[in-house]
């Protein structure tokens, strides 16, 4: 007999007794007897054992020869991973206690309201089951989140073993969680993220933005060349990128406004050159408008036409302090002749760092 059937039987017994005194205590004992909490704990332990085995095998493979290979692997696992594994386990069990308390309270309330409200036991059982199914989904979320956290822990250890010093907050860019919004696309030293907590007070090292978060840490090779004081802005130059002063100047201006910039030398699967610049996890193509432009409108149109091949967002750096109305005219003209609708956004960046960003429709209606 499944737990849902047991809930129905339990509710019927309470109705037959008609007694609401000590009801919450009886519900608590019922849930404990039916293994609701124990089942979750077993799932967590199974996940932990799996990641411990994976880490153990990984460590063993990192060492060759000698009779003390197993001891070394055990020592490293104990020294590094156990503290983090225990932390993940504690987080999961803390959440379980919270869910457990809510389930006890909600089932108790459903039964009490049913008895006092003169409802039949079937209606009350359905109400109790709705509460149970809701909490069951929360438990499933906890299990998935714990699994992801343990997977990220193993991944971070692999990254450390590879010698990488930096990681990028990668994944979907259309995010709404405050922690993810502040970090998406940013590159950080590993020791820097070890102290970060998300809004749920979970370690971002392996929980990222929180429950069911789809973001991940990706190793990066290169160097950080600028960091905004008391802000999120930073500029990271990936290894292999040919540093050019024009991109560096623009990137630093953007970082001073809080943007997280990665300068890359990337090509697509067919050898097609991709955008050099990524702002907050999105591709942006930087183009300059210099004082040498004789026809500002045409120069603007041409730069956007060339830039849209690399990214749907083109940033125009008004290096020559050119007339903005003529630049806007060029933007509109570029959009007008963009039959494939490749232009998604255009930004005008001034030398003082101020900027105007609009999507395609915004410029069309300007």
Protein backbone atom coordinates (compact mmCIF):
# COMPACT_ATOMS: atom_id res chain seq x y z
CA UNK A 1 0.00 0.00 0.00
CA UNK A 2 1.39 3.39 -0.99
CA UNK A 3 1.75 6.43 1.23
CA UNK A 4 -1.22 8.18 -0.42
CA UNK A 5 -3.49 5.25 0.49
CA UNK A 6 -2.13 5.36 4.03
CA UNK A 7 -3.04 9.06 4.25
CA UNK A 8 -6.63 8.27 3.22
CA UNK A 9 -6.87 5.52 5.83
CA UNK A 10 -5.36 7.80 8.48
CA UNK A 11 -7.79 10.64 7.71
CA UNK A 12 -10.75 8.24 7.89
CA UNK A 13 -9.62 6.97 11.32
CA UNK A 14 -9.38 10.53 12.64
CA UNK A 15 -12.90 11.27 11.39
CA UNK A 16 -14.24 8.15 13.03
CA UNK A 17 -12.71 9.24 16.34
CA UNK A 18 -13.84 12.88 15.93
CA UNK A 19 -11.06 13.91 18.32
CA UNK A 20 -8.87 16.90 17.37
CA UNK A 21 -6.89 16.97 20.62
CA UNK A 22 -3.19 16.15 20.13
CA UNK A 23 -3.93 15.86 16.41
CA UNK A 24 -0.60 17.31 15.32
CA UNK A 25 1.26 14.78 17.48
CA UNK A 26 -0.66 11.92 15.87
CA UNK A 27 0.09 13.27 12.38
CA UNK A 28 3.78 13.56 13.25
CA UNK A 29 3.90 9.96 14.46
CA UNK A 30 2.01 8.78 11.38
CA UNK A 31 4.46 10.48 8.98
CA UNK A 32 7.45 9.11 10.87
CA UNK A 33 6.05 5.57 10.94
CA UNK A 34 5.49 5.61 7.18
CA UNK A 35 9.08 6.57 6.40
CA UNK A 36 8.48 9.91 4.69
CA UNK A 37 11.58 11.43 6.31
CA UNK A 38 13.65 8.25 6.14
CA UNK A 39 13.09 7.90 2.40
CA UNK A 40 14.49 11.37 1.77
CA UNK A 41 17.52 10.74 4.00
CA UNK A 42 18.24 7.51 2.12
CA UNK A 43 18.11 9.33 -1.21
CA UNK A 44 20.58 11.95 0.06
CA UNK A 45 22.93 9.27 1.40
CA UNK A 46 22.78 7.42 -1.92
CA UNK A 47 23.76 10.57 -3.82
CA UNK A 48 26.58 11.32 -1.39
CA UNK A 49 27.96 7.79 -1.63
CA UNK A 50 27.89 8.01 -5.41
CA UNK A 51 29.88 11.26 -5.55
CA UNK A 52 32.34 9.98 -2.91
CA UNK A 53 33.01 6.92 -5.07
CA UNK A 54 33.47 9.07 -8.18
CA UNK A 55 35.88 11.40 -6.39
CA UNK A 56 37.77 8.46 -4.91
CA UNK A 57 38.26 6.87 -8.34
CA UNK A 58 39.31 10.20 -9.80
CA UNK A 59 41.91 10.75 -7.08
CA UNK A 60 43.25 7.21 -7.52
CA UNK A 61 43.69 7.84 -11.23
CA UNK A 62 45.68 11.00 -10.48
CA UNK A 63 48.37 8.95 -8.72
CA UNK A 64 50.29 6.08 -10.25
CA UNK A 65 52.60 3.53 -8.67
CA UNK A 66 53.42 2.86 -5.06
CA UNK A 67 51.59 0.89 -2.41
CA UNK A 68 50.14 3.98 -0.77
CA UNK A 69 47.96 5.05 -3.73
CA UNK A 70 44.74 4.18 -1.94
CA UNK A 71 45.82 5.92 1.25
CA UNK A 72 46.73 9.08 -0.67
CA UNK A 73 43.35 9.06 -2.39
CA UNK A 74 41.56 8.62 0.93
CA UNK A 75 43.61 11.40 2.55
CA UNK A 76 42.85 13.86 -0.26
CA UNK A 77 39.16 12.96 -0.27
CA UNK A 78 39.03 13.46 3.48
CA UNK A 79 40.98 16.72 3.41
CA UNK A 80 39.15 18.42 0.57
CA UNK A 81 35.77 16.93 -0.20
CA UNK A 82 34.37 15.73 3.09
CA UNK A 83 33.82 19.20 4.51
CA UNK A 84 31.87 20.25 1.42
CA UNK A 85 29.93 16.97 1.27
CA UNK A 86 28.92 17.40 4.90
CA UNK A 87 27.83 20.96 4.17
CA UNK A 88 25.62 19.82 1.29
CA UNK A 89 24.16 17.05 3.45
CA UNK A 90 23.40 19.48 6.28
CA UNK A 91 21.68 21.84 3.84
CA UNK A 92 19.49 19.03 2.50
CA UNK A 93 18.50 17.74 5.94
CA UNK A 94 17.76 21.24 7.19
CA UNK A 95 15.39 21.72 4.25
CA UNK A 96 13.80 18.35 5.01
CA UNK A 97 12.98 19.40 8.58
CA UNK A 98 11.33 22.56 7.26
CA UNK A 99 9.25 20.62 4.71
CA UNK A 100 8.42 17.98 7.32
CA UNK A 101 7.10 20.60 9.77
CA UNK A 102 4.96 22.22 7.09
CA UNK A 103 3.52 18.88 6.00
CA UNK A 104 2.58 17.98 9.58
CA UNK A 105 0.95 21.37 10.13
CA UNK A 106 -0.96 21.36 6.84
CA UNK A 107 -2.35 17.83 7.15
CA UNK A 108 -3.36 18.55 10.75
CA UNK A 109 -5.13 21.74 9.68
CA UNK A 110 -6.93 19.97 6.82
CA UNK A 111 -8.25 17.26 9.18
CA UNK A 112 -9.24 19.70 11.92
CA UNK A 113 -11.05 21.97 9.45
CA UNK A 114 -12.82 18.94 7.97
CA UNK A 115 -14.04 17.68 11.34
CA UNK A 116 -15.11 21.09 12.63
CA UNK A 117 -16.58 22.11 9.29
CA UNK A 118 -18.71 18.99 9.11
CA UNK A 119 -17.11 17.83 5.84
CA UNK A 120 -16.96 14.17 4.88
CA UNK A 121 -13.70 12.29 5.27
CA UNK A 122 -13.21 11.85 1.49
CA UNK A 123 -13.16 15.63 0.92
CA UNK A 124 -10.74 16.07 3.79
CA UNK A 125 -8.51 13.26 2.52
CA UNK A 126 -8.34 14.96 -0.89
CA UNK A 127 -7.32 18.23 0.79
CA UNK A 128 -4.63 16.42 2.82
CA UNK A 129 -3.35 14.66 -0.30
CA UNK A 130 -3.03 17.96 -2.16
CA UNK A 131 -0.79 19.22 0.66
CA UNK A 132 1.23 16.01 0.59
CA UNK A 133 1.75 16.14 -3.18
CA UNK A 134 2.91 19.75 -2.94
CA UNK A 135 5.49 18.87 -0.27
CA UNK A 136 6.49 15.79 -2.25
CA UNK A 137 7.35 18.05 -5.20
CA UNK A 138 9.42 20.18 -2.82
CA UNK A 139 11.27 17.05 -1.71
CA UNK A 140 11.94 16.14 -5.35
CA UNK A 141 13.31 19.64 -5.89
CA UNK A 142 15.59 19.16 -2.88
CA UNK A 143 16.83 15.83 -4.25
CA UNK A 144 17.53 17.35 -7.69
CA UNK A 145 19.26 20.35 -6.12
CA UNK A 146 21.37 18.10 -3.89
CA UNK A 147 22.32 15.98 -6.90
CA UNK A 148 23.36 19.09 -8.85
CA UNK A 149 25.34 20.44 -5.88
CA UNK A 150 27.28 17.18 -5.52
CA UNK A 151 27.93 17.08 -9.28
CA UNK A 152 29.28 20.64 -9.16
CA UNK A 153 31.48 19.73 -6.20
CA UNK A 154 33.06 16.94 -8.25
CA UNK A 155 33.38 19.31 -11.22
CA UNK A 156 35.10 22.00 -9.14
CA UNK A 157 37.59 19.43 -7.88
CA UNK A 158 38.34 18.38 -11.47
CA UNK A 159 38.87 22.03 -12.40
CA UNK A 160 41.24 22.51 -9.47
CA UNK A 161 43.18 19.38 -10.39
CA UNK A 162 43.56 20.72 -13.95
CA UNK A 163 45.36 23.78 -12.60
CA UNK A 164 42.74 26.31 -13.73
CA UNK A 165 42.55 29.41 -11.53
CA UNK A 166 39.43 31.04 -12.95
CA UNK A 167 35.84 29.96 -13.62
CA UNK A 168 33.02 31.64 -15.53
CA UNK A 169 29.39 31.77 -14.37
CA UNK A 170 27.88 30.18 -17.47
CA UNK A 171 24.42 29.14 -18.64
CA UNK A 172 21.10 30.76 -19.62
CA UNK A 173 21.26 34.57 -19.79
CA UNK A 174 17.52 35.28 -19.46
CA UNK A 175 17.71 34.84 -15.71
CA UNK A 176 15.69 36.59 -12.98
CA UNK A 177 17.26 35.40 -9.73
CA UNK A 178 19.20 38.31 -8.22
CA UNK A 179 22.35 36.25 -7.59
CA UNK A 180 22.39 34.94 -11.17
CA UNK A 181 21.69 38.40 -12.62
CA UNK A 182 24.68 39.80 -10.71
CA UNK A 183 27.07 37.03 -11.75
CA UNK A 184 26.06 35.64 -15.16
CA UNK A 185 28.97 35.88 -17.59
CA UNK A 186 31.43 36.95 -14.89
CA UNK A 187 34.84 35.32 -14.47
CA UNK A 188 36.09 34.75 -10.92
CA UNK A 189 39.04 33.22 -9.13
CA UNK A 190 38.02 29.92 -7.54
CA UNK A 191 38.95 31.09 -4.04
CA UNK A 192 36.76 34.16 -4.60
CA UNK A 193 33.60 32.13 -5.17
CA UNK A 194 34.31 29.80 -2.25
CA UNK A 195 33.09 32.54 0.08
CA UNK A 196 29.96 33.53 -1.85
CA UNK A 197 26.43 32.70 -0.67
CA UNK A 198 23.28 32.90 -2.78
CA UNK A 199 20.01 34.44 -1.54
CA UNK A 200 19.06 31.13 0.11
CA UNK A 201 22.29 31.24 2.16
CA UNK A 202 23.65 28.30 0.19
CA UNK A 203 27.32 28.17 -0.91
CA UNK A 204 27.41 29.37 -4.53
CA UNK A 205 30.41 27.13 -5.17
CA UNK A 206 28.04 24.22 -5.74
CA UNK A 207 24.49 25.59 -5.45
CA UNK A 208 24.95 28.48 -7.91
CA UNK A 209 21.77 30.64 -7.73
CA UNK A 210 19.74 28.14 -5.69
CA UNK A 211 17.06 25.51 -6.20
CA UNK A 212 16.96 23.95 -9.69
CA UNK A 213 19.55 26.48 -10.91
CA UNK A 214 20.74 25.62 -14.45
CA UNK A 215 23.95 27.63 -14.31
CA UNK A 216 27.40 26.09 -14.02
CA UNK A 217 31.07 26.95 -13.50
CA UNK A 218 33.24 26.70 -16.61
CA UNK A 219 37.06 26.79 -16.33
CA UNK A 220 38.80 29.74 -17.98
CA UNK A 221 42.42 30.42 -18.86
CA UNK A 222 43.62 34.00 -19.08
CA UNK A 223 43.91 37.02 -16.82
CA UNK A 224 41.79 39.69 -15.19
CA UNK A 225 42.93 43.16 -16.26
CA UNK A 226 40.34 45.36 -14.58
CA UNK A 227 37.91 45.21 -11.66
CA UNK A 228 35.38 47.86 -10.70
CA UNK A 229 35.86 49.16 -7.18
CA UNK A 230 32.87 48.25 -4.99
CA UNK A 231 30.96 46.83 -7.96
CA UNK A 232 30.40 43.80 -10.19
CA UNK A 233 32.22 45.17 -13.25
CA UNK A 234 35.37 43.40 -14.42
CA UNK A 235 37.34 42.67 -17.59
CA UNK A 236 38.82 39.22 -18.22
CA UNK A 237 41.06 38.52 -21.22
CA UNK A 238 40.92 34.90 -22.30
CA UNK A 239 44.14 33.16 -23.29
CA UNK A 240 44.72 33.46 -27.04
CA UNK A 241 42.98 36.81 -27.38
CA UNK A 242 45.19 39.31 -29.17
CA UNK A 243 44.98 42.34 -26.92
CA UNK A 244 44.14 45.49 -28.83
CA UNK A 245 43.92 48.84 -27.13
CA UNK A 246 40.58 49.72 -28.75
CA UNK A 247 38.75 46.72 -27.24
CA UNK A 248 40.49 47.20 -23.88
CA UNK A 249 39.46 50.87 -23.71
CA UNK A 250 35.83 50.12 -24.51
CA UNK A 251 35.73 47.09 -22.18
CA UNK A 252 37.02 49.11 -19.22
CA UNK A 253 34.46 51.84 -19.86
CA UNK A 254 31.70 49.23 -19.82
CA UNK A 255 33.07 47.54 -16.70
CA UNK A 256 32.96 50.87 -14.87
CA UNK A 257 29.20 50.73 -15.41
CA UNK A 258 29.03 47.28 -13.81
CA UNK A 259 29.27 45.05 -16.89
CA UNK A 260 31.18 41.77 -16.66
CA UNK A 261 33.33 41.60 -19.79
CA UNK A 262 35.14 38.63 -21.31
CA UNK A 263 37.38 39.26 -24.32
CA UNK A 264 37.73 36.10 -26.38
CA UNK A 265 39.26 34.82 -29.59
CA UNK A 266 36.50 32.41 -30.58
CA UNK A 267 35.50 30.65 -33.77
CA UNK A 268 32.39 28.63 -34.54
CA UNK A 269 32.16 24.99 -35.68
CA UNK A 270 32.81 25.93 -39.34
CA UNK A 271 35.71 28.23 -38.54
CA UNK A 272 33.51 31.32 -38.64
CA UNK A 273 34.79 34.05 -36.35
CA UNK A 274 32.52 34.76 -33.40
CA UNK A 275 32.17 37.93 -31.36
CA UNK A 276 35.31 39.01 -29.48
CA UNK A 277 33.36 40.41 -26.58
CA UNK A 278 30.85 38.99 -24.12
CA UNK A 279 28.99 41.25 -21.71
CA UNK A 280 27.15 39.57 -18.85
CA UNK A 281 27.18 36.32 -20.81
CA UNK A 282 25.88 37.77 -24.10
CA UNK A 283 27.82 38.33 -27.32
CA UNK A 284 28.42 41.99 -28.20
CA UNK A 285 30.41 43.32 -31.14
CA UNK A 286 32.40 46.49 -30.44
CA UNK A 287 32.76 49.01 -33.28
CA UNK A 288 34.40 52.46 -33.25
CA UNK A 289 33.23 55.70 -34.81
CA UNK A 290 36.26 57.94 -35.22
CA UNK A 291 36.72 61.58 -36.16
CA UNK A 292 38.04 60.49 -39.56
CA UNK A 293 34.50 59.62 -40.69
CA UNK A 294 33.44 62.05 -43.43
CA UNK A 295 29.89 60.72 -43.69
CA UNK A 296 28.81 59.88 -40.15
CA UNK A 297 25.49 58.30 -41.10
CA UNK A 298 27.06 56.03 -43.70
CA UNK A 299 29.99 55.13 -41.42
CA UNK A 300 27.50 54.12 -38.71
CA UNK A 301 25.45 52.01 -41.09
CA UNK A 302 28.58 50.26 -42.38
CA UNK A 303 29.90 49.47 -38.89
CA UNK A 304 26.57 47.97 -37.84
CA UNK A 305 26.33 45.96 -41.05
CA UNK A 306 29.77 44.47 -40.40
CA UNK A 307 29.18 43.98 -36.68
CA UNK A 308 25.87 42.12 -36.95
CA UNK A 309 27.68 39.19 -38.56
CA UNK A 310 29.36 38.45 -35.23
CA UNK A 311 26.60 39.41 -32.78
CA UNK A 312 23.03 40.66 -32.74
CA UNK A 313 24.07 43.39 -30.29
CA UNK A 314 26.41 45.99 -31.80
CA UNK A 315 28.07 48.61 -29.59
CA UNK A 316 29.20 51.83 -31.30
CA UNK A 317 31.94 53.66 -29.42
CA UNK A 318 31.63 57.35 -30.31
CA UNK A 319 35.36 57.89 -30.04
CA UNK A 320 35.33 60.96 -32.27
CA UNK A 321 32.54 62.73 -30.35
CA UNK A 322 30.48 62.78 -33.54
CA UNK A 323 26.99 64.27 -33.87
CA UNK A 324 24.62 61.85 -32.15
CA UNK A 325 21.65 62.65 -34.37
CA UNK A 326 23.64 61.54 -37.42
CA UNK A 327 24.67 58.33 -35.64
CA UNK A 328 21.03 57.61 -34.83
CA UNK A 329 20.13 58.23 -38.47
CA UNK A 330 22.75 55.64 -39.46
CA UNK A 331 21.35 53.13 -36.94
CA UNK A 332 17.85 53.52 -38.36
CA UNK A 333 19.14 53.09 -41.89
CA UNK A 334 21.05 49.93 -40.95
CA UNK A 335 17.93 48.46 -39.35
CA UNK A 336 15.77 49.43 -42.35
CA UNK A 337 17.96 47.42 -44.73
CA UNK A 338 18.42 44.50 -42.32
CA UNK A 339 16.03 42.13 -44.11
CA UNK A 340 17.12 39.08 -42.10
CA UNK A 341 16.51 40.95 -38.83
CA UNK A 342 19.98 40.10 -37.52
CA UNK A 343 20.23 43.37 -35.59
CA UNK A 344 18.72 42.86 -32.13
CA UNK A 345 20.22 45.72 -30.11
CA UNK A 346 22.45 48.74 -30.68
CA UNK A 347 24.34 50.72 -28.04
CA UNK A 348 25.90 54.16 -28.41
CA UNK A 349 28.78 54.55 -25.93
CA UNK A 350 30.24 57.98 -25.22
CA UNK A 351 33.82 58.68 -24.17
CA UNK A 352 32.69 59.51 -20.63
CA UNK A 353 31.17 56.03 -20.26
CA UNK A 354 27.49 57.01 -20.53
CA UNK A 355 25.50 55.01 -23.04
CA UNK A 356 22.16 54.49 -24.74
CA UNK A 357 20.97 50.95 -25.47
CA UNK A 358 17.79 50.14 -27.37
CA UNK A 359 16.44 47.06 -29.05
CA UNK A 360 15.55 47.07 -32.73
CA UNK A 361 12.01 48.35 -32.20
CA UNK A 362 13.22 51.08 -29.85
CA UNK A 363 15.47 52.60 -32.51
CA UNK A 364 12.81 52.21 -35.21
CA UNK A 365 10.32 54.18 -33.10
CA UNK A 366 12.81 56.82 -31.94
